[in-house]
Amino acid sequence: MLALTGYAVLSGDGGGSDTAGNGGATPSTSSSATASPAPAYTQPEDWTEPERWAALPRGSRTDKYGSQVGFPHTTEGAVGMMVTSTTGSVEPGKSALDGQMRVYRSYIRPGDHSDEAADQIEQSARETDRSLHQQMGVLEDSELPPGSYVRTTVIGYKVIQVSDDEVGSWLLAKVVTKKGELEKETSEYIRLVMGAVWESGDWKLSGQASARASQQGGSDKPGMATPGDAKFNEIGWTAIREAS
C-alpha cells in the first residue's frame, strides 16, 4: 500500500490520503502510514492547460543531512518545504529507511521528536523496504534489482488554510515504480494533507498542524485529477512548475 511522510505517524492521521493508479499499490519513497484506497484514475488524452501554475521556492541552504532547508516565510515557502520533504526515491543503494529518517531529522519540528516517534518511523520504513524487496523478487538483505526504483514527485497542491505562522495544504503526487531495467514503469497518484509551522526561522512539518489541516480539509476533499485534465482546473489544484 502507498504511505505518507513521517508527519502522519506523529499526528496519528493516515485517513487524509488516497491512492489511485494503473499499476497496483506500491510503497512510496517516504513511507510512514497507509493510505486509503481510491477509485482508479485515468488521465484523459486531450490536454487542457492548467489555469494555475507555481514555481515554488527552494531552500536557501543544505543541512548536515543533505536536505534543502531555509524556506521563505510565505505560503509558497511552506508548500515548497512540504513538496521537498515528500519528493524522493528508493533505488539500489538508497533505501526507504534512509529517506524517511532524513525527513524526520530535517523537516519535522523538534517539538515532535521523541524516541517513540523515531522508532515508529524507523519501523515503518523498514517494513516498506521489506515490502519493496518482496515485490521486486529479491532477498531482504540484498540490493534492489539494477534499474529498479520507486520515485515520488509532487505535481500539484491546494492550500487549505493559512495564518502568519501555519499553513495546511493538500498535495497531489505521482509515484512511479520500475522493478528492473527491462520492466515497464507503473504509476499511481496519491493525495495527502500536510501542515507546517514557522519555527526558529524555517518551516517545519507539525503533527498538530497536519491534524488541523486534515480536520478543515477532510470535509472538502479535492478530486483526483492531474495537470492536463480539465477537472484539475475545476477542482482548484495548482500545478507545480520546476523552479529555475
Protein backbone atom coordinates (compact mmCIF):
# COMPACT_ATOMS: atom_id res chain seq x y z
CA MET A 1 0.00 0.00 0.00
CA LEU A 2 1.07 3.57 -0.51
CA ALA A 3 2.10 5.54 2.53
CA LEU A 4 2.79 9.06 3.67
CA THR A 5 5.61 11.10 5.06
CA GLY A 6 6.68 10.98 8.68
CA TYR A 7 4.20 13.58 9.95
CA ALA A 8 1.41 11.00 9.65
CA VAL A 9 2.97 8.88 12.37
CA LEU A 10 3.33 11.93 14.61
CA SER A 11 -0.24 13.09 14.09
CA GLY A 12 -1.70 9.59 14.07
CA ASP A 13 -3.53 10.53 10.87
CA GLY A 14 -3.43 8.41 7.75
CA GLY A 15 -7.02 8.96 6.72
CA GLY A 16 -6.45 12.22 4.89
CA SER A 17 -4.83 10.48 1.94
CA ASP A 18 -5.92 8.40 -1.01
CA THR A 19 -4.27 6.48 -3.80
CA ALA A 20 -5.29 5.81 -7.38
CA GLY A 21 -3.36 4.38 -10.26
CA ASN A 22 -2.80 2.00 -13.10
CA GLY A 23 -0.15 -0.28 -11.70
CA GLY A 24 -1.27 -1.63 -8.36
CA ALA A 25 -0.34 -0.46 -4.88
CA THR A 26 3.30 0.27 -4.21
CA PRO A 27 5.15 1.70 -1.20
CA SER A 28 6.10 5.34 -1.59
CA THR A 29 9.57 6.71 -1.04
CA SER A 30 8.85 8.19 2.38
CA SER A 31 6.58 5.64 3.97
CA SER A 32 5.07 6.10 7.42
CA ALA A 33 1.33 5.48 7.22
CA THR A 34 -1.00 3.54 4.99
CA ALA A 35 -3.17 5.42 2.53
CA SER A 36 -6.80 4.54 1.98
CA PRO A 37 -7.92 3.21 -1.44
CA ALA A 38 -9.47 5.49 -4.04
CA PRO A 39 -11.10 4.87 -7.43
CA ALA A 40 -8.62 4.31 -10.27
CA TYR A 41 -7.71 7.45 -12.18
CA THR A 42 -7.09 7.56 -15.94
CA GLN A 43 -5.67 10.73 -17.44
CA PRO A 44 -7.65 11.91 -20.49
CA GLU A 45 -5.97 12.06 -23.90
CA ASP A 46 -6.82 15.73 -24.55
CA TRP A 47 -4.53 18.26 -22.85
CA THR A 48 -6.08 21.22 -21.03
CA GLU A 49 -3.58 23.85 -19.87
CA PRO A 50 -3.63 24.30 -16.08
CA GLU A 51 -5.02 27.70 -15.07
CA ARG A 52 -2.79 27.97 -12.00
CA TRP A 53 0.97 27.38 -12.04
CA ALA A 54 3.51 27.96 -9.27
CA ALA A 55 7.31 27.87 -9.27
CA LEU A 56 7.76 27.12 -5.58
CA PRO A 57 10.85 28.45 -3.81
CA ARG A 58 13.69 26.14 -2.90
CA GLY A 59 15.54 26.07 0.38
CA SER A 60 18.32 28.61 0.72
CA ARG A 61 20.84 26.15 2.14
CA THR A 62 21.56 22.45 2.69
CA ASP A 63 21.64 21.00 6.20
CA LYS A 64 24.02 18.35 7.52
CA TYR A 65 21.66 15.59 6.38
CA GLY A 66 21.75 16.76 2.76
CA SER A 67 18.26 18.30 2.82
CA GLN A 68 17.20 21.68 1.45
CA VAL A 69 16.17 23.96 4.34
CA GLY A 70 15.77 27.68 4.86
CA PHE A 71 12.48 28.31 3.03
CA PRO A 72 10.98 31.81 2.87
CA HIS A 73 8.33 32.87 5.41
CA THR A 74 5.49 32.78 2.86
CA THR A 75 2.66 30.41 1.95
CA GLU A 76 4.66 29.30 -1.09
CA GLY A 77 7.68 28.73 1.13
CA ALA A 78 5.68 26.43 3.40
CA VAL A 79 4.31 24.47 0.45
CA GLY A 80 7.80 24.35 -1.06
CA MET A 81 9.07 22.67 2.10
CA MET A 82 6.18 20.18 2.04
CA VAL A 83 6.90 19.35 -1.60
CA THR A 84 10.64 18.98 -1.00
CA SER A 85 10.11 16.70 2.00
CA THR A 86 7.70 14.47 0.05
CA THR A 87 9.74 14.20 -3.17
CA GLY A 88 12.26 11.36 -3.23
CA SER A 89 13.18 7.92 -4.47
CA VAL A 90 14.05 4.40 -3.40
CA GLU A 91 16.55 2.60 -5.63
CA PRO A 92 19.63 0.37 -5.34
CA GLY A 93 21.81 1.85 -2.60
CA LYS A 94 19.07 4.23 -1.42
CA SER A 95 16.51 2.77 0.97
CA ALA A 96 13.19 3.98 2.29
CA LEU A 97 14.79 3.91 5.75
CA ASP A 98 17.49 6.36 4.63
CA GLY A 99 14.96 8.75 3.12
CA GLN A 100 12.44 8.55 5.94
CA MET A 101 14.94 9.19 8.72
CA ARG A 102 16.35 12.14 6.76
CA VAL A 103 12.85 13.63 6.51
CA TYR A 104 12.38 13.10 10.25
CA ARG A 105 15.64 14.83 11.16
CA SER A 106 15.40 17.68 8.65
CA TYR A 107 11.73 18.57 8.32
CA ILE A 108 9.73 17.50 11.37
CA ARG A 109 9.66 20.14 14.10
CA PRO A 110 11.94 19.32 17.06
CA GLY A 111 8.98 19.50 19.45
CA ASP A 112 7.52 16.44 17.69
CA HIS A 113 10.75 14.47 18.05
CA SER A 114 10.81 11.62 20.55
CA ASP A 115 12.32 8.18 20.89
CA GLU A 116 8.87 6.69 20.30
CA ALA A 117 8.28 8.73 17.14
CA ALA A 118 11.71 7.87 15.74
CA ASP A 119 11.13 4.17 16.48
CA GLN A 120 7.72 4.26 14.75
CA ILE A 121 9.12 5.93 11.66
CA GLU A 122 12.10 3.58 11.52
CA GLN A 123 9.89 0.51 11.90
CA SER A 124 7.50 1.71 9.18
CA ALA A 125 10.38 2.48 6.80
CA ARG A 126 11.89 -0.96 7.38
CA GLU A 127 8.51 -2.51 6.59
CA THR A 128 8.41 -0.51 3.35
CA ASP A 129 11.89 -1.75 2.40
CA ARG A 130 10.88 -5.35 3.15
CA SER A 131 7.75 -4.97 1.05
CA LEU A 132 9.69 -3.50 -1.87
CA HIS A 133 12.24 -6.31 -1.81
CA GLN A 134 9.41 -8.84 -1.81
CA GLN A 135 7.58 -7.14 -4.69
CA MET A 136 10.77 -6.96 -6.74
CA GLY A 137 11.63 -10.61 -6.08
CA VAL A 138 14.90 -10.18 -4.17
CA LEU A 139 16.02 -11.20 -0.70
CA GLU A 140 15.52 -8.71 2.10
CA ASP A 141 19.24 -8.33 2.80
CA SER A 142 20.20 -7.87 -0.86
CA GLU A 143 20.22 -4.81 -3.12
CA LEU A 144 17.17 -3.94 -5.19
CA PRO A 145 17.45 -5.08 -8.83
CA PRO A 146 19.57 -2.96 -11.20
CA GLY A 147 17.45 -0.29 -12.86
CA SER A 148 14.68 -0.51 -10.28
CA TYR A 149 13.20 2.45 -8.45
CA VAL A 150 10.19 4.00 -6.75
CA ARG A 151 10.03 7.77 -7.36
CA THR A 152 7.60 10.20 -5.78
CA THR A 153 7.06 13.60 -7.40
CA VAL A 154 4.56 16.20 -6.20
CA ILE A 155 2.64 17.58 -9.18
CA GLY A 156 0.04 19.82 -7.57
CA TYR A 157 -1.26 21.40 -4.38
CA LYS A 158 -4.34 23.09 -2.96
CA VAL A 159 -4.00 25.25 0.13
CA ILE A 160 -6.50 24.54 2.91
CA GLN A 161 -5.73 27.25 5.47
CA VAL A 162 -3.16 29.97 6.05
CA SER A 163 -2.10 32.09 9.00
CA ASP A 164 1.10 34.02 9.64
CA ASP A 165 2.95 31.02 11.04
CA GLU A 166 0.92 27.98 9.92
CA VAL A 167 -0.08 26.56 6.54
CA GLY A 168 -2.15 23.49 5.72
CA SER A 169 -2.36 22.09 2.21
CA TRP A 170 -3.42 19.16 0.09
CA LEU A 171 -0.62 17.69 -2.03
CA LEU A 172 -1.07 15.63 -5.18
CA ALA A 173 1.85 13.36 -6.08
CA LYS A 174 2.74 10.79 -8.71
CA VAL A 175 4.51 7.59 -7.67
CA VAL A 176 6.35 5.75 -10.46
CA THR A 177 7.65 2.21 -9.92
CA LYS A 178 10.02 0.18 -12.06
CA LYS A 179 11.04 -3.30 -10.94
CA GLY A 180 14.15 -3.62 -13.11
CA GLU A 181 15.96 -2.48 -16.23
CA LEU A 182 13.72 -4.47 -18.60
CA GLU A 183 10.48 -3.89 -16.70
CA LYS A 184 7.81 -1.36 -17.63
CA GLU A 185 7.05 1.57 -15.37
CA THR A 186 3.77 1.63 -13.47
CA SER A 187 2.36 4.76 -11.90
CA GLU A 188 -0.26 5.84 -9.43
CA TYR A 189 -1.28 9.02 -7.66
CA ILE A 190 -1.53 9.94 -4.00
CA ARG A 191 -3.40 12.77 -2.36
CA LEU A 192 -2.49 13.82 1.17
CA VAL A 193 -2.85 16.56 3.75
CA MET A 194 0.17 18.23 5.35
CA GLY A 195 0.58 21.01 7.90
CA ALA A 196 3.61 23.20 8.57
CA VAL A 197 4.53 25.76 11.22
CA TRP A 198 7.09 28.57 11.15
CA GLU A 199 9.58 27.83 13.88
CA SER A 200 13.13 29.04 14.57
CA GLY A 201 13.39 30.74 11.20
CA ASP A 202 12.12 27.93 8.96
CA TRP A 203 9.04 25.89 8.04
CA LYS A 204 8.71 22.51 9.77
CA LEU A 205 6.17 19.71 9.49
CA SER A 206 3.93 19.55 12.55
CA GLY A 207 1.68 16.76 13.76
CA GLN A 208 -0.83 19.19 15.30
CA ALA A 209 -0.85 21.46 12.25
CA SER A 210 -1.35 18.44 10.00
CA ALA A 211 -4.24 17.24 12.16
CA ARG A 212 -5.85 20.70 11.99
CA ALA A 213 -5.42 20.79 8.22
CA SER A 214 -6.95 17.33 7.96
CA GLN A 215 -9.94 18.39 10.04
CA GLN A 216 -10.51 21.51 7.94
CA GLY A 217 -9.85 19.87 4.58
CA GLY A 218 -11.32 16.44 5.19
CA SER A 219 -14.90 17.52 4.57
CA ASP A 220 -13.91 19.10 1.24
CA LYS A 221 -11.50 16.52 -0.17
CA PRO A 222 -10.40 17.59 -3.68
CA GLY A 223 -10.98 15.23 -6.56
CA MET A 224 -8.18 13.25 -8.18
CA ALA A 225 -7.02 14.86 -11.43
CA THR A 226 -3.63 15.61 -12.92
CA PRO A 227 -2.25 18.59 -14.88
CA GLY A 228 -3.67 18.41 -18.39
CA ASP A 229 -7.07 17.19 -17.20
CA ALA A 230 -9.81 19.85 -17.36
CA LYS A 231 -11.01 18.64 -13.95
CA PHE A 232 -7.65 19.72 -12.47
CA ASN A 233 -8.74 23.34 -13.03
CA GLU A 234 -12.32 22.77 -11.88
CA ILE A 235 -11.13 21.24 -8.60
CA GLY A 236 -8.77 24.13 -7.88
CA TRP A 237 -5.39 22.39 -7.94
CA THR A 238 -2.28 24.46 -8.66
CA ALA A 239 0.30 22.82 -10.92
CA ILE A 240 3.95 22.95 -9.94
CA ARG A 241 6.47 24.34 -12.39
CA GLU A 242 10.10 23.39 -11.94
CA ALA A 243 11.98 26.28 -10.38
CA SER A 244 14.94 27.60 -12.38
